[in-house]
Protein backbone atom coordinates (compact mmCIF):
# COMPACT_ATOMS: atom_id res chain seq x y z
CA ARG A 1 -16.40 4.80 1.28
CA ILE A 2 -14.31 7.89 0.63
CA TRP A 3 -12.56 6.49 -2.37
CA GLY A 4 -15.91 5.01 -3.54
CA ASN A 5 -17.52 8.39 -3.68
CA ALA A 6 -14.67 9.80 -5.79
CA VAL A 7 -14.68 6.82 -8.19
CA GLU A 8 -18.49 6.92 -8.64
CA ALA A 9 -18.32 10.68 -9.43
CA LEU A 10 -15.94 9.84 -12.32
CA GLY A 11 -18.26 7.06 -13.58
CA VAL A 12 -15.76 4.26 -12.78
CA ARG A 13 -16.47 0.95 -11.07
CA LEU A 14 -14.46 0.42 -7.88
CA VAL A 15 -13.22 -3.12 -7.09
CA SER A 16 -11.21 -3.34 -3.88
CA PRO A 17 -10.08 -6.92 -3.05
CA THR A 18 -8.88 -7.93 0.40
CA ARG A 19 -5.34 -9.51 0.31
CA PRO A 20 -5.17 -13.07 1.54
CA GLY A 21 -5.29 -13.40 5.38
CA TYR A 22 -7.07 -10.15 6.11
CA ALA A 23 -10.60 -9.90 7.41
CA ASP A 24 -12.40 -13.05 6.10
CA SER A 25 -10.10 -13.63 3.18
CA ASP A 26 -8.39 -17.02 3.26
CA PRO A 27 -4.62 -16.97 3.94
CA ARG A 28 -2.11 -17.83 1.27
CA PRO A 29 1.00 -18.94 3.13
CA GLY A 30 4.23 -18.17 1.36
CA ARG A 31 2.67 -15.69 -1.07
CA THR A 32 4.86 -13.28 -2.92
CA VAL A 33 3.98 -9.74 -4.03
CA ALA A 34 3.70 -11.06 -7.54
CA ASP A 35 0.95 -13.48 -6.52
CA ALA A 36 -1.39 -10.45 -6.33
CA ALA A 37 -1.52 -10.53 -10.19
CA SER A 38 -3.01 -13.97 -10.35
CA ASP A 39 -5.55 -13.10 -7.59
CA VAL A 40 -6.58 -9.99 -9.49
CA ARG A 41 -6.84 -11.88 -12.75
CA GLU A 42 -9.12 -14.53 -11.17
CA LEU A 43 -11.29 -11.95 -9.53
CA LEU A 44 -11.72 -9.91 -12.78
CA ASP A 45 -12.51 -13.01 -14.73
CA HIS A 46 -15.18 -13.76 -12.19
CA LEU A 47 -16.61 -10.27 -12.46
CA GLY A 48 -16.42 -10.22 -16.28
CA VAL A 49 -14.01 -7.31 -16.34
CA GLU A 50 -11.41 -7.24 -19.13
CA THR A 51 -9.35 -4.11 -18.60
CA PHE A 52 -8.64 -1.98 -15.48
CA VAL A 53 -6.46 0.72 -13.91
CA THR A 54 -4.99 0.05 -10.52
CA VAL A 55 -3.98 2.13 -7.50
CA GLY A 56 -2.22 0.89 -4.32
CA TRP A 57 -1.52 2.86 -1.14
CA SER A 58 1.21 1.97 1.36
CA GLY A 59 1.56 -1.81 1.28
CA GLY A 60 -0.80 -1.86 -1.65
CA GLY A 61 1.68 0.02 -3.70
CA PRO A 62 3.98 -2.99 -4.52
CA HIS A 63 0.84 -5.04 -5.27
CA ALA A 64 -0.44 -2.51 -7.70
CA LEU A 65 2.95 -2.48 -9.49
CA ALA A 66 2.79 -6.29 -9.65
CA THR A 67 -0.48 -6.25 -11.57
CA ALA A 68 0.87 -3.59 -13.88
CA ALA A 69 4.01 -5.60 -14.59
CA LEU A 70 2.38 -9.05 -14.87
CA LEU A 71 -1.01 -8.20 -16.51
CA PRO A 72 0.09 -5.65 -19.11
CA GLY A 73 -2.62 -6.77 -21.56
CA ARG A 74 -5.33 -6.00 -19.09
CA CYS A 75 -3.85 -3.28 -16.73
CA ARG A 76 -4.00 0.04 -18.61
CA ALA A 77 -2.35 2.22 -15.95
CA ALA A 78 -1.07 2.13 -12.37
CA ALA A 79 -0.35 4.39 -9.49
CA THR A 80 1.54 3.75 -6.21
CA LEU A 81 0.83 6.06 -3.27
CA ALA A 82 3.48 6.04 -0.51
CA GLY A 83 4.43 2.47 -1.62
CA ILE A 84 7.56 0.82 -0.41
CA ALA A 85 10.58 0.02 -2.66
CA PRO A 86 12.25 -3.36 -2.53
CA PRO A 87 14.58 -3.79 0.48
CA TRP A 88 17.44 -4.97 -1.73
CA ALA A 89 17.12 -1.93 -4.06
CA GLU A 90 20.57 -0.69 -5.04
CA GLY A 91 21.36 2.63 -3.58
CA LEU A 92 18.51 2.63 -1.06
CA ASP A 93 18.84 2.38 2.71
CA PHE A 94 15.44 0.65 3.23
CA LEU A 95 14.97 1.49 6.97
CA ALA A 96 16.45 5.00 6.90
CA GLY A 97 13.92 7.66 7.78
CA MET A 98 11.26 5.29 9.06
CA GLY A 99 9.60 5.79 12.42
CA ALA A 100 10.84 3.59 15.32
CA GLU A 101 7.73 1.32 15.12
CA ASN A 102 8.31 0.53 11.45
CA VAL A 103 12.09 0.02 11.90
CA ALA A 104 11.31 -2.61 14.66
CA GLU A 105 8.66 -4.29 12.53
CA PHE A 106 10.61 -4.62 9.31
CA SER A 107 13.77 -5.55 11.22
CA ALA A 108 11.80 -8.41 12.77
CA ALA A 109 10.50 -9.47 9.30
CA MET A 110 14.04 -9.60 7.99
CA ARG A 111 14.99 -11.98 10.74
CA GLY A 112 12.26 -14.36 9.68
CA GLU A 113 8.67 -15.50 10.40
CA ALA A 114 9.20 -16.59 13.95
CA GLU A 115 10.72 -13.28 15.00
CA LEU A 116 8.03 -11.35 13.08
CA THR A 117 5.34 -13.37 14.81
CA ARG A 118 6.72 -12.62 18.24
CA TRP A 119 6.83 -8.87 17.36
CA MET A 120 3.24 -9.03 16.14
CA GLU A 121 1.97 -10.83 19.25
CA ALA A 122 3.64 -8.15 21.49
CA GLU A 123 2.78 -5.05 19.46
CA GLY A 124 -0.29 -5.91 17.38
CA ALA A 125 -3.04 -6.02 20.06
CA ALA A 126 -3.43 -2.24 20.07
CA TYR A 127 -4.27 -2.21 16.39
CA ARG A 128 -6.86 -5.03 16.59
CA ALA A 129 -8.83 -2.86 19.16
CA ILE A 130 -7.98 0.49 17.63
CA ALA A 131 -10.55 3.27 18.02
CA ASP A 132 -10.86 6.89 16.97
CA ASP A 133 -9.50 8.08 20.35
CA THR A 134 -6.58 5.53 20.49
CA LEU A 135 -5.38 5.73 16.91
CA TYR A 136 -2.82 8.46 17.37
CA ALA A 137 -1.25 6.69 20.35
CA ALA A 138 -1.10 3.28 18.45
CA PHE A 139 0.77 4.81 15.54
CA GLY A 140 3.10 6.77 17.73
CA SER A 141 6.10 8.20 15.85
CA LEU A 142 4.72 7.09 12.55
CA LEU A 143 2.35 10.06 12.36
CA PRO A 144 4.00 13.48 11.75
CA PRO A 145 1.92 16.61 12.43
CA VAL A 146 0.76 16.78 8.86
CA ASP A 147 -0.71 13.27 9.05
CA ARG A 148 -2.36 13.97 12.40
CA LYS A 149 -3.97 17.00 10.96
CA ALA A 150 -5.30 14.96 7.97
CA LEU A 151 -6.62 12.14 10.26
CA THR A 152 -9.82 14.02 11.47
CA GLY A 153 -13.49 13.75 11.13
CA GLU A 154 -14.80 11.00 8.76
CA LEU A 155 -11.40 9.87 7.76
CA VAL A 156 -10.16 8.92 11.26
CA GLY A 157 -13.25 6.78 11.86
CA ALA A 158 -12.94 5.10 8.49
CA PHE A 159 -9.24 4.43 9.00
CA ALA A 160 -9.75 2.87 12.42
CA ALA A 161 -12.75 0.77 11.25
CA THR A 162 -10.71 -0.54 8.28
CA ILE A 163 -7.87 -1.70 10.55
CA ARG A 164 -10.23 -3.32 12.95
CA GLU A 165 -11.93 -5.22 10.17
CA ALA A 166 -8.65 -6.21 8.54
CA LEU A 167 -7.28 -7.71 11.77
CA ALA A 168 -10.58 -9.23 13.10
CA GLY A 169 -9.36 -12.75 12.29
CA GLY A 170 -5.84 -12.29 13.45
CA PHE A 171 -2.48 -11.18 12.06
CA ARG A 172 -1.92 -13.68 9.31
CA GLY A 173 -2.43 -11.24 6.50
CA TRP A 174 -0.13 -8.63 8.04
CA ILE A 175 2.58 -11.19 8.76
CA ASP A 176 2.40 -12.57 5.20
CA ASP A 177 2.51 -9.02 3.77
CA ASP A 178 5.68 -8.21 5.70
CA LEU A 179 7.33 -11.46 4.74
CA ALA A 180 6.43 -10.92 1.11
CA PHE A 181 7.92 -7.36 1.16
CA VAL A 182 11.33 -8.54 2.42
CA ARG A 183 11.60 -11.56 0.19
CA PRO A 184 11.98 -11.55 -3.68
CA TRP A 185 8.88 -9.96 -5.09
CA GLY A 186 8.64 -12.10 -8.17
CA PHE A 187 9.00 -9.17 -10.56
CA ALA A 188 10.98 -5.93 -10.68
CA PRO A 189 9.70 -2.30 -10.87
CA LYS A 190 11.49 -2.05 -14.19
CA ASP A 191 9.16 -4.70 -15.49
CA VAL A 192 6.17 -2.28 -15.41
CA ALA A 193 5.33 -1.62 -19.06
CA VAL A 194 2.14 0.46 -18.70
CA PRO A 195 1.78 4.22 -17.89
CA ALA A 196 2.39 4.66 -14.11
CA ALA A 197 2.55 7.35 -11.48
CA VAL A 198 4.57 7.37 -8.30
CA TRP A 199 3.20 9.51 -5.47
CA GLN A 200 5.23 10.13 -2.32
CA GLY A 201 5.32 12.76 0.43
CA SER A 202 8.56 14.18 1.85
CA LEU A 203 7.41 13.90 5.55
CA ASP A 204 6.27 10.26 5.43
CA MET A 205 7.54 8.38 8.50
CA MET A 206 6.03 5.05 7.49
CA VAL A 207 7.51 4.83 4.01
CA PRO A 208 10.27 7.40 3.67
CA PHE A 209 10.69 9.90 0.81
CA SER A 210 13.73 7.98 -0.45
CA HIS A 211 11.38 5.07 -1.43
CA GLY A 212 9.40 7.22 -3.71
CA ARG A 213 12.49 8.75 -5.22
CA TRP A 214 13.91 5.30 -5.90
CA LEU A 215 10.66 4.06 -7.51
CA ALA A 216 10.40 7.17 -9.58
CA GLY A 217 13.80 6.44 -10.98
CA HIS A 218 13.09 2.71 -11.65
CA VAL A 219 9.58 2.47 -12.90
CA PRO A 220 10.07 3.12 -16.62
CA GLY A 221 8.53 6.39 -17.84
CA CYS A 222 6.52 7.01 -14.72
CA ALA A 223 5.01 10.37 -13.71
CA ALA A 224 6.80 11.32 -10.47
CA ARG A 225 4.52 13.07 -7.96
CA LEU A 226 7.06 13.67 -5.19
CA LEU A 227 5.35 16.20 -2.94
CA GLU A 228 7.09 18.35 -0.31
CA GLY A 229 5.37 18.75 2.96
CA GLU A 230 3.08 15.70 2.72
CA GLY A 231 3.04 12.59 4.89
CA HIS A 232 1.71 9.06 4.56
CA ILE A 233 -1.97 9.95 5.18
CA SER A 234 -2.08 13.52 3.93
CA LEU A 235 -0.64 12.46 0.53
CA ALA A 236 -3.87 10.80 -0.53
CA ALA A 237 -6.40 12.66 1.68
CA GLY A 238 -8.49 14.83 -0.60
CA ARG A 239 -6.63 13.89 -3.78
CA GLU A 240 -8.78 10.83 -4.69
CA ARG A 241 -10.36 12.42 -7.80
CA ASP A 242 -7.04 13.82 -9.05
CA ILE A 243 -5.34 10.47 -8.66
CA ILE A 244 -8.09 8.46 -10.35
CA ALA A 245 -8.58 11.04 -13.16
CA GLY A 246 -4.77 10.87 -13.69
CA LEU A 247 -4.99 7.12 -14.06
CA LEU A 248 -7.83 7.33 -16.62
CA GLU A 249 -5.91 9.85 -18.64
CA HIS A 250 -2.88 7.62 -18.61
CA ALA A 251 -4.96 4.78 -19.69
CA ARG A 252 -6.27 6.74 -22.63
């Protein structure tokens, strides 16, 4: 709803697809990050939409880059907000700087689906039942003070509700996301051939600042928005119109 209001104010149509396996979206076992491009193409064909700009936050970041790299005739511009870099990225220590919860999660994913499923069954229940008053505890060390400050009022309720809805049918989408992130993506950030922006906060404990710096150096010609003092949540909170307006300007 928050992003919808910002998009509407700019006269732009918002299309926000659910990745396979989340909420009531059918799973797509073995999917890669690159598969997001074919999903987006099929959806836009159904809606009668020819060109678009794309933005992805957190785990959505790599998927936004995939559509930019693989649908260059239709994607006019892209932005990634606190999006992860590839685990095999040269010169990047993928886990360094992450909170303990994310280190455990991605370490399990790197050991394979069986290990990740065990981790999810042990740790995921708190997220399926997450509420406004349990959100901070569920995220633990992943929320630095700047993000806790940003997660108040309408935003904390919307965030908790989105997580509950996404996991209502189980963990399949989350598991497939993590596996896709640690396997070959099916494209490289250097393949992005449309105007792009990389947004990243220096205090992010979910996706460390080093990921944003790496992407800024490997997405050709991108606008680097590497912000000191921002976290994973605070990076995007209140900047919706600026981010979208920047995309539209890049597209023009």
